């Protein structure tokens, strides 16, 4: 997909935002309404990271993001790598923050429990 630089940036931001919302939904769906425990939190983080990586990678590959950065000869795995990076950010840093206000039990475990 060809486009101006602004269009490409907007598309990447929209794709990233959509995948982060999916990851946040997966995080809170895994957590459920239970009080956070260390193993439940770990499972929720892993699920959120995988969901985000899969959705972001698929959208980035479909948009051809890899070709925007390094040229037409770049393999699709560069877009998949960007998706995995976004998945790591969701699983490690964001942890469902985009949908936190909609969850009835949005307390997080203390830092020493993680």
C-alpha atoms as a PDB file:
ATOM      1  CA  UNK A   1       0.000   0.000   0.000  1.00  0.00           C
ATOM      2  CA  UNK A   2       1.451   3.318  -1.035  1.00  0.00           C
ATOM      3  CA  UNK A   3       0.643   6.606   0.557  1.00  0.00           C
ATOM      4  CA  UNK A   4       2.075   9.808   1.879  1.00  0.00           C
ATOM      5  CA  UNK A   5       4.159   9.839   5.026  1.00  0.00           C
ATOM      6  CA  UNK A   6       1.300  11.285   7.066  1.00  0.00           C
ATOM      7  CA  UNK A   7      -1.090   8.579   5.856  1.00  0.00           C
ATOM      8  CA  UNK A   8       1.399   5.879   6.773  1.00  0.00           C
ATOM      9  CA  UNK A   9       1.908   7.278  10.269  1.00  0.00           C
ATOM     10  CA  UNK A  10      -1.853   7.540  10.833  1.00  0.00           C
ATOM     11  CA  UNK A  11      -2.377   3.953   9.635  1.00  0.00           C
ATOM     12  CA  UNK A  12       0.358   2.618  11.930  1.00  0.00           C
ATOM     13  CA  UNK A  13      -1.090   4.540  14.884  1.00  0.00           C
ATOM     14  CA  UNK A  14      -4.601   3.239  14.172  1.00  0.00           C
ATOM     15  CA  UNK A  15      -3.366  -0.340  13.777  1.00  0.00           C
ATOM     16  CA  UNK A  16      -1.308  -0.088  16.948  1.00  0.00           C
ATOM     17  CA  UNK A  17      -4.197   1.395  18.896  1.00  0.00           C
ATOM     18  CA  UNK A  18      -6.584  -1.308  17.704  1.00  0.00           C
ATOM     19  CA  UNK A  19      -4.157  -4.060  18.663  1.00  0.00           C
ATOM     20  CA  UNK A  20      -3.545  -2.492  22.093  1.00  0.00           C
ATOM     21  CA  UNK A  21      -7.289  -2.392  22.710  1.00  0.00           C
ATOM     22  CA  UNK A  22      -7.520  -6.078  21.795  1.00  0.00           C
ATOM     23  CA  UNK A  23      -4.626  -6.815  24.159  1.00  0.00           C
ATOM     24  CA  UNK A  24      -6.242  -4.832  26.967  1.00  0.00           C
ATOM     25  CA  UNK A  25      -9.509  -6.688  26.423  1.00  0.00           C
ATOM     26  CA  UNK A  26      -7.663 -10.031  26.564  1.00  0.00           C
ATOM     27  CA  UNK A  27      -5.892  -8.940  29.753  1.00  0.00           C
ATOM     28  CA  UNK A  28      -9.101  -8.050  31.590  1.00  0.00           C
ATOM     29  CA  UNK A  29     -10.941 -11.057  30.191  1.00  0.00           C
ATOM     30  CA  UNK A  30      -8.221 -13.337  31.576  1.00  0.00           C
ATOM     31  CA  UNK A  31      -8.120 -11.525  34.907  1.00  0.00           C
ATOM     32  CA  UNK A  32     -11.898 -11.676  35.307  1.00  0.00           C
ATOM     33  CA  UNK A  33     -13.472 -10.255  38.433  1.00  0.00           C
ATOM     34  CA  UNK A  34     -11.057 -12.028  40.759  1.00  0.00           C
ATOM     35  CA  UNK A  35      -8.590 -10.285  43.019  1.00  0.00           C
ATOM     36  CA  UNK A  36      -5.180 -10.187  41.353  1.00  0.00           C
ATOM     37  CA  UNK A  37      -2.753 -12.914  42.316  1.00  0.00           C
ATOM     38  CA  UNK A  38       0.761 -13.485  40.994  1.00  0.00           C
ATOM     39  CA  UNK A  39      -0.130 -16.429  38.715  1.00  0.00           C
ATOM     40  CA  UNK A  40      -3.359 -14.918  37.480  1.00  0.00           C
ATOM     41  CA  UNK A  41      -1.524 -11.690  36.694  1.00  0.00           C
ATOM     42  CA  UNK A  42       1.183 -13.591  34.814  1.00  0.00           C
ATOM     43  CA  UNK A  43      -1.364 -15.463  32.712  1.00  0.00           C
ATOM     44  CA  UNK A  44      -3.210 -12.231  31.967  1.00  0.00           C
ATOM     45  CA  UNK A  45       0.005 -10.495  30.889  1.00  0.00           C
ATOM     46  CA  UNK A  46       1.017 -13.342  28.600  1.00  0.00           C
ATOM     47  CA  UNK A  47      -2.446 -13.498  27.046  1.00  0.00           C
ATOM     48  CA  UNK A  48      -2.497  -9.735  26.483  1.00  0.00           C
ATOM     49  CA  UNK A  49       0.952  -9.754  24.891  1.00  0.00           C
ATOM     50  CA  UNK A  50       0.121 -12.642  22.560  1.00  0.00           C
ATOM     51  CA  UNK A  51      -3.204 -11.141  21.499  1.00  0.00           C
ATOM     52  CA  UNK A  52      -1.598  -7.780  20.806  1.00  0.00           C
ATOM     53  CA  UNK A  53       1.303  -9.317  18.884  1.00  0.00           C
ATOM     54  CA  UNK A  54      -0.966 -11.450  16.696  1.00  0.00           C
ATOM     55  CA  UNK A  55      -3.353  -8.631  15.832  1.00  0.00           C
ATOM     56  CA  UNK A  56      -0.630  -6.024  15.303  1.00  0.00           C
ATOM     57  CA  UNK A  57       1.499  -8.390  13.223  1.00  0.00           C
ATOM     58  CA  UNK A  58      -1.424  -9.344  11.005  1.00  0.00           C
ATOM     59  CA  UNK A  59      -2.463  -5.732  10.425  1.00  0.00           C
ATOM     60  CA  UNK A  60       1.121  -4.567   9.844  1.00  0.00           C
ATOM     61  CA  UNK A  61       1.713  -7.365   7.334  1.00  0.00           C
ATOM     62  CA  UNK A  62      -1.551  -6.553   5.530  1.00  0.00           C
ATOM     63  CA  UNK A  63      -0.616  -2.870   5.346  1.00  0.00           C
ATOM     64  CA  UNK A  64       2.917  -3.657   4.169  1.00  0.00           C
ATOM     65  CA  UNK A  65       4.531  -1.651   6.951  1.00  0.00           C
ATOM     66  CA  UNK A  66       7.815  -3.503   6.446  1.00  0.00           C
ATOM     67  CA  UNK A  67       8.133  -1.966   2.978  1.00  0.00           C
ATOM     68  CA  UNK A  68       7.642   1.550   4.308  1.00  0.00           C
ATOM     69  CA  UNK A  69      10.675   1.366   6.563  1.00  0.00           C
ATOM     70  CA  UNK A  70      13.282  -0.546   4.605  1.00  0.00           C
ATOM     71  CA  UNK A  71      12.105  -0.624   0.988  1.00  0.00           C
ATOM     72  CA  UNK A  72      10.284  -3.049  -1.308  1.00  0.00           C
ATOM     73  CA  UNK A  73      12.699  -5.953  -0.820  1.00  0.00           C
ATOM     74  CA  UNK A  74      12.080  -6.206   2.918  1.00  0.00           C
ATOM     75  CA  UNK A  75      10.533  -9.516   4.055  1.00  0.00           C
ATOM     76  CA  UNK A  76       7.189  -9.569   5.864  1.00  0.00           C
ATOM     77  CA  UNK A  77       8.902 -10.781   9.014  1.00  0.00           C
ATOM     78  CA  UNK A  78       9.903  -7.168   9.764  1.00  0.00           C
ATOM     79  CA  UNK A  79       6.209  -6.321  10.218  1.00  0.00           C
ATOM     80  CA  UNK A  80       5.766  -9.416  12.374  1.00  0.00           C
ATOM     81  CA  UNK A  81       8.717  -8.254  14.494  1.00  0.00           C
ATOM     82  CA  UNK A  82       7.054  -4.854  14.999  1.00  0.00           C
ATOM     83  CA  UNK A  83       3.909  -6.671  16.104  1.00  0.00           C
ATOM     84  CA  UNK A  84       5.884  -8.732  18.616  1.00  0.00           C
ATOM     85  CA  UNK A  85       7.477  -5.548  19.966  1.00  0.00           C
ATOM     86  CA  UNK A  86       4.037  -4.012  20.462  1.00  0.00           C
ATOM     87  CA  UNK A  87       2.892  -7.232  22.149  1.00  0.00           C
ATOM     88  CA  UNK A  88       5.805  -7.041  24.574  1.00  0.00           C
ATOM     89  CA  UNK A  89       4.883  -3.457  25.401  1.00  0.00           C
ATOM     90  CA  UNK A  90       1.285  -4.472  26.169  1.00  0.00           C
ATOM     91  CA  UNK A  91       2.244  -7.505  28.229  1.00  0.00           C
ATOM     92  CA  UNK A  92       5.033  -5.872  30.231  1.00  0.00           C
ATOM     93  CA  UNK A  93       4.290  -2.148  30.375  1.00  0.00           C
ATOM     94  CA  UNK A  94       0.647  -1.360  29.649  1.00  0.00           C
ATOM     95  CA  UNK A  95      -1.147  -4.390  31.199  1.00  0.00           C
ATOM     96  CA  UNK A  96      -4.673  -3.494  30.123  1.00  0.00           C
ATOM     97  CA  UNK A  97      -4.491   0.210  30.891  1.00  0.00           C
ATOM     98  CA  UNK A  98      -6.578   1.245  27.879  1.00  0.00           C
ATOM     99  CA  UNK A  99      -9.676  -0.486  29.261  1.00  0.00           C
ATOM    100  CA  UNK A 100      -8.891  -0.238  32.970  1.00  0.00           C
ATOM    101  CA  UNK A 101     -11.637   2.277  33.762  1.00  0.00           C
ATOM    102  CA  UNK A 102     -14.302  -0.129  32.469  1.00  0.00           C
ATOM    103  CA  UNK A 103     -13.301  -3.029  34.724  1.00  0.00           C
ATOM    104  CA  UNK A 104     -15.033  -3.445  38.099  1.00  0.00           C
ATOM    105  CA  UNK A 105     -11.946  -4.817  39.899  1.00  0.00           C
ATOM    106  CA  UNK A 106      -9.071  -2.873  38.380  1.00  0.00           C
ATOM    107  CA  UNK A 107      -6.648  -3.117  41.328  1.00  0.00           C
ATOM    108  CA  UNK A 108      -3.162  -4.287  40.441  1.00  0.00           C
ATOM    109  CA  UNK A 109      -0.885  -6.411  42.629  1.00  0.00           C
ATOM    110  CA  UNK A 110       1.963  -4.708  44.447  1.00  0.00           C
ATOM    111  CA  UNK A 111       5.299  -4.508  42.661  1.00  0.00           C
ATOM    112  CA  UNK A 112       6.856  -7.222  44.839  1.00  0.00           C
ATOM    113  CA  UNK A 113       4.163  -9.747  43.769  1.00  0.00           C
ATOM    114  CA  UNK A 114       5.059  -9.457  40.114  1.00  0.00           C
END
